[in-house]
Amino acid sequence: MDIARTQRPLTPLGTVTAAQARTSKRTRYLFRALLISMALLVALPVLAVFAYVFVPAPDVWQHLVDTVLADYLANSFWLLIGVGFGVLLLGVPVAWLNSMCRFPGQRIFEWALLLPLAMPAYIIAYTYTGMLDFAGPVQTFIRDATGLGYGEYYFPEVRSLPGAIAMLSLVLYPYVYLLARAAFLEQSVCVLEVSRTLGSSAWHSFFHLALPLARPAIITGLSLALMETLADFGTVHYFGVDTFTTGIFRTWFGLGDSAAAAQLAALLMSVVFMLVLLERWSRHKARYHHTSGKYSVLPKQQLRGKWGALAIVVCTLPIVLGFLIPVLQLLYWAFTVGEQSIDQAFLRLVANSLFLAALAAGFALLLALLLGYGKRLDTHPVVRLSARIAALGYAIPGTVIAIGVLIPFVWLDTQLNNLSKAGFGLSLGLLFSGSLFTLLFAYNVRFLAVSLQTVEAGLGKVKPTIDEAGRSLGLKAFGVLRRLHLPMMQGSLLTALLLVFVDVLKELPATLVLRPFNFNTLAVRAYEMAADERLADAGLPSLMIVLVGIIPVILLSYSIGRARAGSKVQA
């Protein structure tokens, strides 16, 4: 055999043949078409909601205007204002203390302050209601100790607007703490050193240098907390506070008017999009910049005596109120008072919840990989816009997404049933709107952004030269992703999977609206028990949700401390 004839000509390293160029071009176009299609599909619920703006519903709207619309507007406004001040008051000081100071227990507080992030707002509302209501242990102790009866002493009402503000602030401040601490840790040590040499005190440096530099990150955390506030359903519904989310639910199921419910949802989405635009505007308008690239270990100020004790109290209070007390109450209910035990019915609830969360997390990770890698392959503006549209779902409340998903899928089921009856005389039933498919679709619309941002962060750490080396060795686009990128991104992929998993496990309104008949989850079960005033029976499913939610909190705490440039530089 003539070896010279059978041997394929070698391609010089770094060059691309005409066939490879055509394949690369086809792959880019394929990804572009796929990304645009995915973006349109994910945007379908939003488009469906806004399309109902033009459907007349004058009677229901007149009824809403005459009765509850003013309450929806006022309560939502004051809820945003109250939670905004609450998360800033709780999140920023502890972020500064754990970034720039050293005091006893500081290493523990760094990660423990993130624990309330694992506590859903509706669960902390149930626990504090059980403790602070008239029949709860706190008021019972007051009556037994003082001999006073009902109405003879003052005690703040927990089921109120201030109560909802307090509950939401306790579980949402970690958004501000997380981003503010990351911003403080990333600040150049030169700026702080210069301020101290010019005679600035620690407080002056904080208010005039560190805080303005961290302002974009703080506003981003504040925006996330406010979007979660607008998306909350379980807390405000249980406390009897009329907001847009409860109004949408009540209009759809109570008044039976999908058009008016969709129009309320469109109004709420407009407010959410304004918050998104405000957050982006604040980043673009920031006038404070780092002018030094010098990073080293930050010179933490040692706090002793009364200042050290004060720092401990400031950091301990949010953890105790936002995590320890609710968890202890849940443990007490779960193992001493609650009637529900770990039986076959409860195990079925756990299996349903874990199955849904795992399936949704897997789909979200797959879509995020396609979107993130597609953006890396094709930097066309249309591709970037498509990825941004696909990531908008996280800013939309679960109730709104549920309405937006139901509208097109109910229409599709209706058309399929009409065709089936006309052709075969059979009714197909609720093929889509009554199945798990609709619920999984809603989860991916809601939480795709969480997975996408994590995957993009992982892809951003892979140098473009890795892609070039893989292509020069004959690997195609998917080969580069499978053999080079995925092994290097294992940590990011696991984080994305866990974050979506826990978010789905905690999601209440979308699950409540879209779940199939006779299909319950831990979140729905806890809500149903609390709605029936069986708070002790809500303890076990609530506790399971919280315990699973701790996993990504630990991962986040571990990663944030290692993210700062110069964090490994020795002083």
Protein backbone atom coordinates (compact mmCIF):
# COMPACT_ATOMS: atom_id res chain seq x y z
CA MET A 1 0.00 0.00 0.00
CA ASP A 2 1.22 3.45 -0.90
CA ILE A 3 1.22 5.36 2.36
CA ALA A 4 1.72 8.69 0.59
CA ARG A 5 -1.55 8.27 -1.31
CA THR A 6 -3.72 7.25 1.66
CA GLN A 7 -2.43 9.79 4.16
CA ARG A 8 -4.64 12.92 4.50
CA PRO A 9 -2.86 16.22 3.99
CA LEU A 10 -2.08 17.95 7.28
CA THR A 11 -3.64 21.33 8.00
CA PRO A 12 -1.25 23.83 9.57
CA LEU A 13 -2.04 24.54 13.21
CA GLY A 14 -4.32 27.55 13.63
CA THR A 15 -5.66 27.51 10.04
CA VAL A 16 -9.21 26.64 9.07
CA THR A 17 -10.16 24.77 5.91
CA ALA A 18 -12.99 25.90 3.63
CA ALA A 19 -15.14 22.96 4.78
CA GLN A 20 -14.56 23.87 8.45
CA ALA A 21 -15.44 27.48 7.70
CA ARG A 22 -18.72 26.42 6.05
CA THR A 23 -19.52 24.13 8.97
CA SER A 24 -18.75 26.91 11.44
CA LYS A 25 -20.98 29.30 9.54
CA ARG A 26 -23.85 26.80 9.46
CA THR A 27 -23.40 26.16 13.19
CA ARG A 28 -23.54 29.89 13.91
CA TYR A 29 -26.73 30.29 11.89
CA LEU A 30 -28.24 27.24 13.60
CA PHE A 31 -27.46 28.67 17.02
CA ARG A 32 -28.81 32.05 15.98
CA ALA A 33 -32.12 30.58 14.83
CA LEU A 34 -32.29 28.41 17.97
CA LEU A 35 -31.64 31.34 20.30
CA ILE A 36 -34.24 33.56 18.64
CA SER A 37 -36.82 30.75 18.77
CA MET A 38 -36.07 30.09 22.46
CA ALA A 39 -36.31 33.78 23.30
CA LEU A 40 -39.71 34.04 21.60
CA LEU A 41 -40.92 30.90 23.37
CA VAL A 42 -39.82 32.16 26.78
CA ALA A 43 -41.34 35.57 26.03
CA LEU A 44 -44.68 33.95 25.11
CA PRO A 45 -46.23 34.37 28.61
CA VAL A 46 -45.26 38.06 28.68
CA LEU A 47 -46.68 38.65 25.19
CA ALA A 48 -49.87 36.77 26.11
CA VAL A 49 -50.39 38.93 29.19
CA PHE A 50 -49.83 42.20 27.33
CA ALA A 51 -52.11 41.05 24.48
CA TYR A 52 -55.02 40.98 26.94
CA VAL A 53 -54.62 44.69 27.57
CA PHE A 54 -56.82 45.25 24.52
CA VAL A 55 -59.56 42.84 25.63
CA PRO A 56 -62.45 44.83 27.15
CA ALA A 57 -63.42 44.04 30.75
CA PRO A 58 -65.26 47.22 31.83
CA ASP A 59 -67.53 45.68 34.48
CA VAL A 60 -64.78 43.97 36.41
CA TRP A 61 -62.47 46.98 36.16
CA GLN A 62 -65.20 49.28 37.42
CA HIS A 63 -65.74 46.93 40.34
CA LEU A 64 -61.98 46.87 41.06
CA VAL A 65 -61.72 50.68 40.86
CA ASP A 66 -64.68 51.12 43.20
CA THR A 67 -63.50 48.60 45.78
CA VAL A 68 -59.91 47.35 45.99
CA LEU A 69 -57.68 48.87 43.28
CA ALA A 70 -56.65 51.78 45.50
CA ASP A 71 -55.67 49.28 48.22
CA TYR A 72 -53.61 47.28 45.70
CA LEU A 73 -51.71 50.40 44.67
CA ALA A 74 -51.22 51.80 48.19
CA ASN A 75 -50.22 48.52 49.83
CA SER A 76 -47.82 47.60 47.02
CA PHE A 77 -46.23 51.06 47.20
CA TRP A 78 -45.77 51.05 50.98
CA LEU A 79 -44.56 47.45 50.87
CA LEU A 80 -41.82 48.46 48.42
CA ILE A 81 -40.83 51.50 50.49
CA GLY A 82 -40.78 49.57 53.77
CA VAL A 83 -38.88 46.56 52.44
CA GLY A 84 -36.44 48.86 50.63
CA PHE A 85 -35.49 50.65 53.85
CA GLY A 86 -35.49 47.37 55.77
CA VAL A 87 -33.07 45.49 53.50
CA LEU A 88 -30.73 48.48 53.29
CA LEU A 89 -30.74 48.94 57.06
CA LEU A 90 -30.04 45.25 57.64
CA GLY A 91 -27.78 44.45 54.69
CA VAL A 92 -25.33 47.34 54.25
CA PRO A 93 -23.95 47.69 57.84
CA VAL A 94 -23.30 43.96 58.24
CA ALA A 95 -21.65 43.86 54.80
CA TRP A 96 -19.29 46.66 55.84
CA LEU A 97 -18.51 45.09 59.21
CA ASN A 98 -17.66 41.71 57.68
CA SER A 99 -15.56 43.27 54.91
CA MET A 100 -13.55 45.95 56.74
CA CYS A 101 -13.53 44.95 60.41
CA ARG A 102 -12.30 42.10 62.58
CA PHE A 103 -14.20 41.08 65.70
CA PRO A 104 -15.00 37.85 67.59
CA GLY A 105 -17.03 35.41 65.51
CA GLN A 106 -16.57 37.38 62.29
CA ARG A 107 -15.61 34.29 60.24
CA ILE A 108 -18.88 32.63 61.27
CA PHE A 109 -20.99 35.72 60.54
CA GLU A 110 -19.59 35.93 56.99
CA TRP A 111 -21.57 32.86 55.92
CA ALA A 112 -24.24 32.75 58.63
CA LEU A 113 -25.69 36.10 57.50
CA LEU A 114 -26.71 34.38 54.25
CA LEU A 115 -28.79 31.70 56.02
CA PRO A 116 -32.11 33.67 55.88
CA LEU A 117 -31.83 33.38 52.09
CA ALA A 118 -32.83 29.72 52.51
CA MET A 119 -36.02 30.73 54.35
CA PRO A 120 -39.01 31.41 52.06
CA ALA A 121 -40.93 34.51 53.08
CA TYR A 122 -44.25 32.69 53.45
CA ILE A 123 -42.69 30.15 55.84
CA ILE A 124 -41.21 32.79 58.14
CA ALA A 125 -44.65 34.44 58.10
CA TYR A 126 -46.25 31.21 59.31
CA THR A 127 -43.74 30.77 62.13
CA TYR A 128 -44.01 34.30 63.50
CA THR A 129 -47.79 34.19 63.26
CA GLY A 130 -47.81 31.02 65.32
CA MET A 131 -45.56 32.64 67.93
CA LEU A 132 -47.03 36.16 68.08
CA ASP A 133 -50.77 35.61 67.51
CA PHE A 134 -53.24 35.93 70.40
CA ALA A 135 -53.08 32.18 71.06
CA GLY A 136 -49.32 32.00 70.56
CA PRO A 137 -46.76 31.46 73.34
CA VAL A 138 -45.63 35.12 73.55
CA GLN A 139 -49.05 36.65 74.22
CA THR A 140 -50.05 33.69 76.37
CA PHE A 141 -46.99 34.32 78.56
CA ILE A 142 -47.85 38.03 78.81
CA ARG A 143 -51.39 37.25 79.94
CA ASP A 144 -50.24 34.63 82.45
CA ALA A 145 -47.51 36.91 83.84
CA THR A 146 -49.64 40.06 84.14
CA GLY A 147 -53.14 38.69 84.62
CA LEU A 148 -54.43 40.94 81.85
CA GLY A 149 -57.15 39.77 79.48
CA TYR A 150 -57.91 40.30 75.80
CA GLY A 151 -57.89 44.00 74.86
CA GLU A 152 -56.33 45.09 78.16
CA TYR A 153 -52.77 45.28 76.82
CA TYR A 154 -51.20 46.50 73.62
CA PHE A 155 -49.45 44.08 71.29
CA PRO A 156 -48.60 44.82 67.63
CA GLU A 157 -50.61 42.86 65.07
CA VAL A 158 -48.33 40.56 63.12
CA ARG A 159 -50.87 39.99 60.33
CA SER A 160 -50.60 43.50 58.93
CA LEU A 161 -48.71 45.57 56.39
CA PRO A 162 -45.87 46.37 58.87
CA GLY A 163 -45.73 42.67 59.71
CA ALA A 164 -45.36 41.76 56.02
CA ILE A 165 -42.62 44.40 55.65
CA ALA A 166 -40.74 42.92 58.61
CA MET A 167 -41.04 39.32 57.33
CA LEU A 168 -39.88 40.19 53.82
CA SER A 169 -37.02 42.37 55.06
CA LEU A 170 -35.69 39.56 57.27
CA VAL A 171 -35.42 37.08 54.38
CA LEU A 172 -34.50 39.46 51.53
CA TYR A 173 -31.70 41.52 53.12
CA PRO A 174 -29.10 38.85 52.05
CA TYR A 175 -29.46 40.12 48.46
CA VAL A 176 -28.09 43.50 49.57
CA TYR A 177 -25.56 41.93 51.95
CA LEU A 178 -24.25 39.56 49.26
CA LEU A 179 -23.67 42.20 46.60
CA ALA A 180 -22.58 44.97 48.97
CA ARG A 181 -19.97 42.73 50.63
CA ALA A 182 -18.67 41.63 47.23
CA ALA A 183 -18.36 45.31 46.22
CA PHE A 184 -16.57 46.24 49.46
CA LEU A 185 -14.15 43.32 49.06
CA GLU A 186 -13.34 44.32 45.47
CA GLN A 187 -12.44 47.90 46.36
CA SER A 188 -8.84 48.93 45.93
CA VAL A 189 -6.87 49.20 49.14
CA CYS A 190 -5.15 52.35 47.81
CA VAL A 191 -8.33 54.42 48.06
CA LEU A 192 -8.81 53.52 51.70
CA GLU A 193 -5.15 54.06 52.51
CA VAL A 194 -5.18 57.53 50.94
CA SER A 195 -8.32 58.51 52.84
CA ARG A 196 -6.78 57.46 56.15
CA THR A 197 -3.51 59.35 55.46
CA LEU A 198 -5.60 62.46 54.79
CA GLY A 199 -7.09 62.23 58.27
CA SER A 200 -10.43 60.59 57.44
CA SER A 201 -12.00 58.51 60.17
CA ALA A 202 -13.42 55.04 59.53
CA TRP A 203 -16.97 56.45 59.39
CA HIS A 204 -15.94 59.25 57.01
CA SER A 205 -14.22 56.74 54.70
CA PHE A 206 -17.32 54.56 54.76
CA PHE A 207 -19.84 57.30 53.91
CA HIS A 208 -17.74 59.29 51.44
CA LEU A 209 -15.66 56.62 49.68
CA ALA A 210 -16.66 52.99 50.22
CA LEU A 211 -20.42 53.54 50.06
CA PRO A 212 -20.40 55.60 46.81
CA LEU A 213 -18.07 53.06 45.19
CA ALA A 214 -20.40 50.22 46.18
CA ARG A 215 -23.57 52.11 45.22
CA PRO A 216 -24.23 50.27 41.91
CA ALA A 217 -23.92 46.88 43.61
CA ILE A 218 -26.15 47.98 46.51
CA ILE A 219 -28.82 49.27 44.14
CA THR A 220 -28.66 45.99 42.20
CA GLY A 221 -29.26 44.05 45.42
CA LEU A 222 -32.04 46.45 46.38
CA SER A 223 -33.70 45.96 42.98
CA LEU A 224 -33.59 42.18 43.37
CA ALA A 225 -35.16 42.45 46.82
CA LEU A 226 -37.90 44.76 45.54
CA MET A 227 -38.68 42.47 42.61
CA GLU A 228 -38.98 39.55 45.02
CA THR A 229 -41.27 41.73 47.16
CA LEU A 230 -43.59 42.40 44.24
CA ALA A 231 -43.51 38.70 43.34
CA ASP A 232 -44.45 37.53 46.84
CA PHE A 233 -47.83 35.90 47.19
CA GLY A 234 -47.77 33.60 50.21
CA THR A 235 -46.84 36.21 52.83
CA VAL A 236 -49.19 39.00 51.79
CA HIS A 237 -52.05 36.58 51.15
CA TYR A 238 -51.69 34.94 54.56
CA PHE A 239 -51.41 38.32 56.30
CA GLY A 240 -54.47 39.64 54.49
CA VAL A 241 -52.59 42.48 52.77
CA ASP A 242 -54.15 43.26 49.39
CA THR A 243 -51.45 43.70 46.75
CA PHE A 244 -51.25 43.15 43.01
CA THR A 245 -50.28 39.47 43.36
CA THR A 246 -53.24 38.65 45.60
CA GLY A 247 -55.48 40.76 43.37
CA ILE A 248 -54.46 38.85 40.25
CA PHE A 249 -55.13 35.52 41.96
CA ARG A 250 -58.49 36.69 43.32
CA THR A 251 -59.62 38.22 40.02
CA TRP A 252 -58.75 35.07 38.04
CA PHE A 253 -60.22 32.49 40.42
CA GLY A 254 -62.69 34.54 42.46
CA LEU A 255 -64.26 36.73 39.77
CA GLY A 256 -63.52 34.32 36.93
CA ASP A 257 -62.29 37.05 34.61
CA SER A 258 -59.06 36.14 32.86
CA ALA A 259 -58.93 39.41 30.89
CA ALA A 260 -59.04 41.63 34.00
CA ALA A 261 -56.51 39.37 35.76
CA ALA A 262 -54.16 39.61 32.78
CA GLN A 263 -54.54 43.39 32.70
CA LEU A 264 -53.66 43.60 36.40
CA ALA A 265 -50.67 41.38 35.64
CA ALA A 266 -49.63 43.70 32.80
CA LEU A 267 -49.77 46.66 35.16
CA LEU A 268 -47.62 44.80 37.70
CA MET A 269 -45.13 43.81 34.99
CA SER A 270 -44.82 47.44 33.97
CA VAL A 271 -43.77 48.31 37.54
CA VAL A 272 -41.26 45.43 37.55
CA PHE A 273 -39.75 46.52 34.23
CA MET A 274 -39.41 50.05 35.63
CA LEU A 275 -37.37 48.58 38.50
CA VAL A 276 -35.17 46.70 36.01
CA LEU A 277 -34.61 49.87 33.99
CA LEU A 278 -33.87 51.83 37.17
CA GLU A 279 -31.24 49.29 38.19
CA ARG A 280 -29.54 49.42 34.76
CA TRP A 281 -29.76 53.22 34.66
CA SER A 282 -28.07 53.41 38.06
CA ARG A 283 -25.18 51.30 36.80
CA HIS A 284 -24.74 53.39 33.67
CA LYS A 285 -24.96 56.67 35.58
CA ALA A 286 -22.47 55.73 38.29
CA ARG A 287 -19.79 58.44 38.54
CA TYR A 288 -17.46 56.69 40.99
CA HIS A 289 -14.68 54.51 39.61
CA HIS A 290 -11.62 52.67 40.86
CA THR A 291 -8.46 54.34 39.61
CA SER A 292 -5.99 51.80 40.96
CA GLY A 293 -5.29 48.23 40.11
CA LYS A 294 -3.50 47.54 43.38
CA TYR A 295 -5.21 44.79 45.35
CA SER A 296 -3.96 43.23 48.55
CA VAL A 297 -5.40 41.99 51.79
CA LEU A 298 -7.75 44.67 53.08
CA PRO A 299 -6.54 46.34 56.30
CA LYS A 300 -9.35 45.23 58.61
CA GLN A 301 -9.87 47.33 61.70
CA GLN A 302 -9.83 45.40 64.95
CA LEU A 303 -12.96 46.04 67.03
CA ARG A 304 -12.63 45.46 70.78
CA GLY A 305 -14.63 46.20 73.87
CA LYS A 306 -17.97 47.86 73.42
CA TRP A 307 -17.47 48.30 69.66
CA GLY A 308 -16.73 44.61 69.23
CA ALA A 309 -19.80 43.73 71.31
CA LEU A 310 -21.94 46.11 69.24
CA ALA A 311 -20.68 44.51 66.00
CA ILE A 312 -21.60 41.07 67.35
CA VAL A 313 -25.11 42.25 68.26
CA VAL A 314 -25.65 43.93 64.86
CA CYS A 315 -24.60 40.76 63.01
CA THR A 316 -26.40 38.34 65.33
CA LEU A 317 -29.81 40.03 65.25
CA PRO A 318 -30.67 39.34 61.55
CA ILE A 319 -29.55 35.70 61.87
CA VAL A 320 -31.56 35.08 65.04
CA LEU A 321 -34.72 36.81 63.77
CA GLY A 322 -34.48 35.67 60.15
CA PHE A 323 -33.33 32.07 60.60
CA LEU A 324 -32.73 30.62 64.08
CA ILE A 325 -36.09 31.47 65.70
CA PRO A 326 -38.17 30.31 62.68
CA VAL A 327 -36.14 27.06 62.38
CA LEU A 328 -36.52 26.30 66.09
CA GLN A 329 -40.26 26.91 65.82
CA LEU A 330 -40.49 24.62 62.78
CA LEU A 331 -38.55 21.90 64.62
CA TYR A 332 -40.90 22.21 67.59
CA TRP A 333 -43.97 21.93 65.38
CA ALA A 334 -42.56 19.12 63.27
CA PHE A 335 -41.58 16.77 66.08
CA THR A 336 -43.82 17.63 69.05
CA VAL A 337 -47.10 19.30 68.08
CA GLY A 338 -47.81 18.67 64.39
CA GLU A 339 -50.10 15.79 63.49
CA GLN A 340 -48.37 15.12 60.19
CA SER A 341 -45.66 12.46 60.38
CA ILE A 342 -43.16 11.06 57.93
CA ASP A 343 -45.61 8.61 56.38
CA GLN A 344 -46.26 7.48 52.82
CA ALA A 345 -48.27 10.62 51.98
CA PHE A 346 -45.46 12.90 53.16
CA LEU A 347 -42.85 10.88 51.28
CA ARG A 348 -44.99 11.30 48.15
CA LEU A 349 -44.93 15.07 48.69
CA VAL A 350 -41.13 14.97 49.00
CA ALA A 351 -40.83 12.80 45.88
CA ASN A 352 -43.12 15.13 43.87
CA SER A 353 -41.17 18.20 44.96
CA LEU A 354 -37.75 16.70 44.31
CA PHE A 355 -38.84 15.29 40.94
CA LEU A 356 -40.20 18.64 39.76
CA ALA A 357 -37.21 20.58 41.05
CA ALA A 358 -34.67 18.17 39.50
CA LEU A 359 -36.45 18.09 36.14
CA ALA A 360 -36.85 21.86 35.99
CA ALA A 361 -33.22 22.42 37.04
CA GLY A 362 -31.99 20.00 34.37
CA PHE A 363 -34.00 21.68 31.62
CA ALA A 364 -32.94 25.15 32.78
CA LEU A 365 -29.28 24.12 32.78
CA LEU A 366 -29.56 22.67 29.27
CA LEU A 367 -31.24 25.82 27.94
CA ALA A 368 -28.71 28.02 29.73
CA LEU A 369 -25.83 26.09 28.15
CA LEU A 370 -27.34 26.52 24.68
CA LEU A 371 -27.95 30.22 25.22
CA GLY A 372 -24.61 30.95 26.88
CA TYR A 373 -22.54 28.97 24.39
CA GLY A 374 -24.56 30.36 21.49
CA LYS A 375 -23.65 33.89 22.61
CA ARG A 376 -20.00 32.84 22.78
CA LEU A 377 -20.08 31.46 19.24
CA ASP A 378 -22.08 34.29 17.72
CA THR A 379 -21.71 37.85 19.03
CA HIS A 380 -24.38 39.27 16.73
CA PRO A 381 -26.56 41.92 18.49
CA VAL A 382 -29.71 39.88 17.74
CA VAL A 383 -28.23 36.94 19.64
CA ARG A 384 -27.37 39.09 22.66
CA LEU A 385 -30.85 40.65 22.62
CA SER A 386 -32.44 37.19 22.44
CA ALA A 387 -30.47 35.99 25.47
CA ARG A 388 -31.46 39.11 27.39
CA ILE A 389 -35.14 38.59 26.54
CA ALA A 390 -34.94 34.96 27.64
CA ALA A 391 -33.52 36.08 31.00
CA LEU A 392 -36.33 38.54 31.77
CA GLY A 393 -38.50 35.88 33.41
CA TYR A 394 -36.79 36.18 36.80
CA ALA A 395 -38.07 39.74 37.06
CA ILE A 396 -41.68 38.58 36.55
CA PRO A 397 -43.75 37.37 39.55
CA GLY A 398 -44.78 33.72 39.57
CA THR A 399 -48.47 34.66 39.56
CA VAL A 400 -48.02 36.69 36.38
CA ILE A 401 -46.07 33.90 34.68
CA ALA A 402 -48.80 31.42 35.65
CA ILE A 403 -51.44 33.64 34.02
CA GLY A 404 -49.26 34.17 30.95
CA VAL A 405 -48.63 30.44 30.57
CA LEU A 406 -52.25 29.43 31.06
CA ILE A 407 -53.63 31.80 28.42
CA PRO A 408 -51.86 30.30 25.34
CA PHE A 409 -51.98 26.69 26.56
CA VAL A 410 -55.69 26.82 27.40
CA TRP A 411 -56.27 28.25 23.92
CA LEU A 412 -54.19 25.43 22.42
CA ASP A 413 -56.12 22.78 24.38
CA THR A 414 -59.41 24.31 23.24
CA GLN A 415 -58.38 24.21 19.58
CA LEU A 416 -57.15 20.62 19.83
CA ASN A 417 -60.38 19.52 21.52
CA ASN A 418 -62.49 21.25 18.85
CA LEU A 419 -60.54 19.50 16.10
CA SER A 420 -60.77 16.16 17.89
CA LYS A 421 -64.52 16.46 18.40
CA ALA A 422 -65.09 17.53 14.81
CA GLY A 423 -62.97 14.74 13.36
CA PHE A 424 -63.40 11.81 15.78
CA GLY A 425 -66.08 12.87 18.25
CA LEU A 426 -63.62 12.57 21.13
CA SER A 427 -62.51 15.00 23.80
CA LEU A 428 -58.78 15.05 24.48
CA GLY A 429 -59.07 16.90 27.79
CA LEU A 430 -56.40 19.21 29.15
CA LEU A 431 -53.38 17.87 27.29
CA PHE A 432 -51.14 20.84 28.07
CA SER A 433 -52.76 23.20 30.56
CA GLY A 434 -53.55 20.38 32.98
CA SER A 435 -50.19 18.62 32.82
CA LEU A 436 -46.73 18.89 34.35
CA PHE A 437 -45.46 20.21 31.02
CA THR A 438 -47.10 23.59 31.63
CA LEU A 439 -45.69 23.78 35.15
CA LEU A 440 -42.16 22.91 33.98
CA PHE A 441 -42.43 25.48 31.22
CA ALA A 442 -43.41 28.15 33.76
CA TYR A 443 -40.48 27.19 36.01
CA ASN A 444 -38.05 27.59 33.13
CA VAL A 445 -39.51 30.97 32.17
CA ARG A 446 -39.21 32.09 35.79
CA PHE A 447 -35.76 30.73 36.69
CA LEU A 448 -33.83 30.44 33.43
CA ALA A 449 -32.03 33.70 34.26
CA VAL A 450 -30.57 32.19 37.46
CA SER A 451 -29.01 29.32 35.53
CA LEU A 452 -27.99 31.49 32.58
CA GLN A 453 -26.08 34.02 34.67
CA THR A 454 -24.17 31.27 36.47
CA VAL A 455 -23.32 29.46 33.23
CA GLU A 456 -22.19 32.71 31.57
CA ALA A 457 -19.94 33.43 34.54
CA GLY A 458 -18.38 29.99 34.13
CA LEU A 459 -17.95 30.41 30.38
CA GLY A 460 -16.38 33.82 30.93
CA LYS A 461 -13.51 32.20 32.84
CA VAL A 462 -12.62 30.01 29.83
CA LYS A 463 -10.14 31.86 27.62
CA PRO A 464 -10.99 32.17 23.89
CA THR A 465 -7.65 30.53 23.09
CA ILE A 466 -9.08 27.26 24.45
CA ASP A 467 -11.77 27.38 21.73
CA GLU A 468 -9.18 28.14 19.07
CA ALA A 469 -6.95 25.28 20.20
CA GLY A 470 -9.86 22.85 20.15
CA ARG A 471 -10.99 23.91 16.68
CA SER A 472 -7.44 23.68 15.34
CA LEU A 473 -7.33 20.06 16.55
CA GLY A 474 -10.45 19.24 14.55
CA LEU A 475 -13.15 19.56 17.21
CA LYS A 476 -16.49 20.97 16.13
CA ALA A 477 -18.49 23.48 18.18
CA PHE A 478 -20.29 20.86 20.27
CA GLY A 479 -17.05 18.92 20.64
CA VAL A 480 -15.32 21.98 22.11
CA LEU A 481 -18.22 22.41 24.52
CA ARG A 482 -18.35 18.75 25.53
CA ARG A 483 -14.65 17.95 25.78
CA LEU A 484 -13.14 21.26 26.86
CA HIS A 485 -15.69 23.64 28.38
CA LEU A 486 -17.85 21.27 30.43
CA PRO A 487 -14.95 19.72 32.39
CA MET A 488 -13.66 23.23 33.20
CA MET A 489 -17.12 24.46 34.28
CA GLN A 490 -18.16 21.68 36.65
CA GLY A 491 -18.37 24.01 39.64
CA SER A 492 -20.46 26.61 37.79
CA LEU A 493 -22.76 23.95 36.36
CA LEU A 494 -23.36 22.40 39.78
CA THR A 495 -24.06 25.82 41.27
CA ALA A 496 -26.55 26.66 38.50
CA LEU A 497 -28.27 23.31 38.98
CA LEU A 498 -28.59 23.73 42.75
CA LEU A 499 -29.79 27.34 42.61
CA VAL A 500 -32.64 26.53 40.22
CA PHE A 501 -33.41 23.34 42.15
CA VAL A 502 -33.94 25.23 45.40
CA ASP A 503 -35.80 28.12 43.75
CA VAL A 504 -38.27 25.66 42.21
CA LEU A 505 -38.64 23.90 45.54
CA LYS A 506 -39.63 27.21 47.20
CA GLU A 507 -41.84 28.54 44.38
CA LEU A 508 -45.46 28.82 45.54
CA PRO A 509 -47.79 30.90 43.29
CA ALA A 510 -46.89 29.30 39.95
CA THR A 511 -47.12 25.81 41.49
CA LEU A 512 -50.41 26.66 43.20
CA VAL A 513 -52.02 27.80 39.93
CA LEU A 514 -50.53 25.36 37.41
CA ARG A 515 -50.11 22.05 39.25
CA PRO A 516 -52.19 19.12 37.90
CA PHE A 517 -55.18 17.86 39.85
CA ASN A 518 -54.31 15.70 42.88
CA PHE A 519 -50.65 16.70 42.62
CA ASN A 520 -49.16 18.47 45.63
CA THR A 521 -45.70 19.64 46.61
CA LEU A 522 -44.10 20.60 49.92
CA ALA A 523 -44.68 24.32 49.25
CA VAL A 524 -48.35 23.82 48.38
CA ARG A 525 -48.87 21.54 51.37
CA ALA A 526 -47.37 24.08 53.76
CA TYR A 527 -49.56 26.79 52.24
CA GLU A 528 -52.73 24.69 52.52
CA MET A 529 -52.05 23.81 56.17
CA ALA A 530 -51.37 27.46 57.04
CA ALA A 531 -54.49 28.61 55.17
CA ASP A 532 -56.53 26.20 57.31
CA GLU A 533 -54.84 27.66 60.43
CA ARG A 534 -53.07 24.34 61.03
CA LEU A 535 -49.69 26.00 61.47
CA ALA A 536 -48.17 23.14 63.42
CA ASP A 537 -48.96 20.74 60.57
CA ALA A 538 -47.19 23.10 58.18
CA GLY A 539 -43.96 22.69 60.16
CA LEU A 540 -42.62 19.48 58.63
CA PRO A 541 -42.95 20.40 54.91
CA SER A 542 -41.66 23.90 55.66
CA LEU A 543 -38.67 22.50 57.52
CA MET A 544 -37.79 20.24 54.59
CA ILE A 545 -37.82 23.21 52.19
CA VAL A 546 -35.53 25.23 54.47
CA LEU A 547 -33.05 22.39 54.99
CA VAL A 548 -32.65 21.85 51.25
CA GLY A 549 -32.31 25.60 50.71
CA ILE A 550 -29.20 25.77 52.88
CA ILE A 551 -27.09 23.95 50.25
CA PRO A 552 -26.73 26.81 47.70
CA VAL A 553 -26.32 29.29 50.55
CA ILE A 554 -23.18 27.45 51.65
CA LEU A 555 -21.88 27.42 48.06
CA LEU A 556 -22.53 31.14 47.65
CA SER A 557 -20.80 31.94 50.93
CA TYR A 558 -17.76 29.89 49.92
CA SER A 559 -17.44 31.44 46.47
CA ILE A 560 -17.87 35.10 47.43
CA GLY A 561 -14.89 35.08 49.79
CA ARG A 562 -12.63 33.73 47.01
CA ALA A 563 -13.88 36.09 44.30
CA ARG A 564 -11.87 39.19 45.24
CA ALA A 565 -8.80 40.05 43.24
CA GLY A 566 -5.79 39.81 45.52
CA SER A 567 -7.62 37.66 48.05
CA LYS A 568 -4.73 35.21 48.04
CA VAL A 569 -2.08 37.90 48.30
CA GLN A 570 -0.35 37.79 51.61
CA ALA A 571 -0.08 40.97 53.59
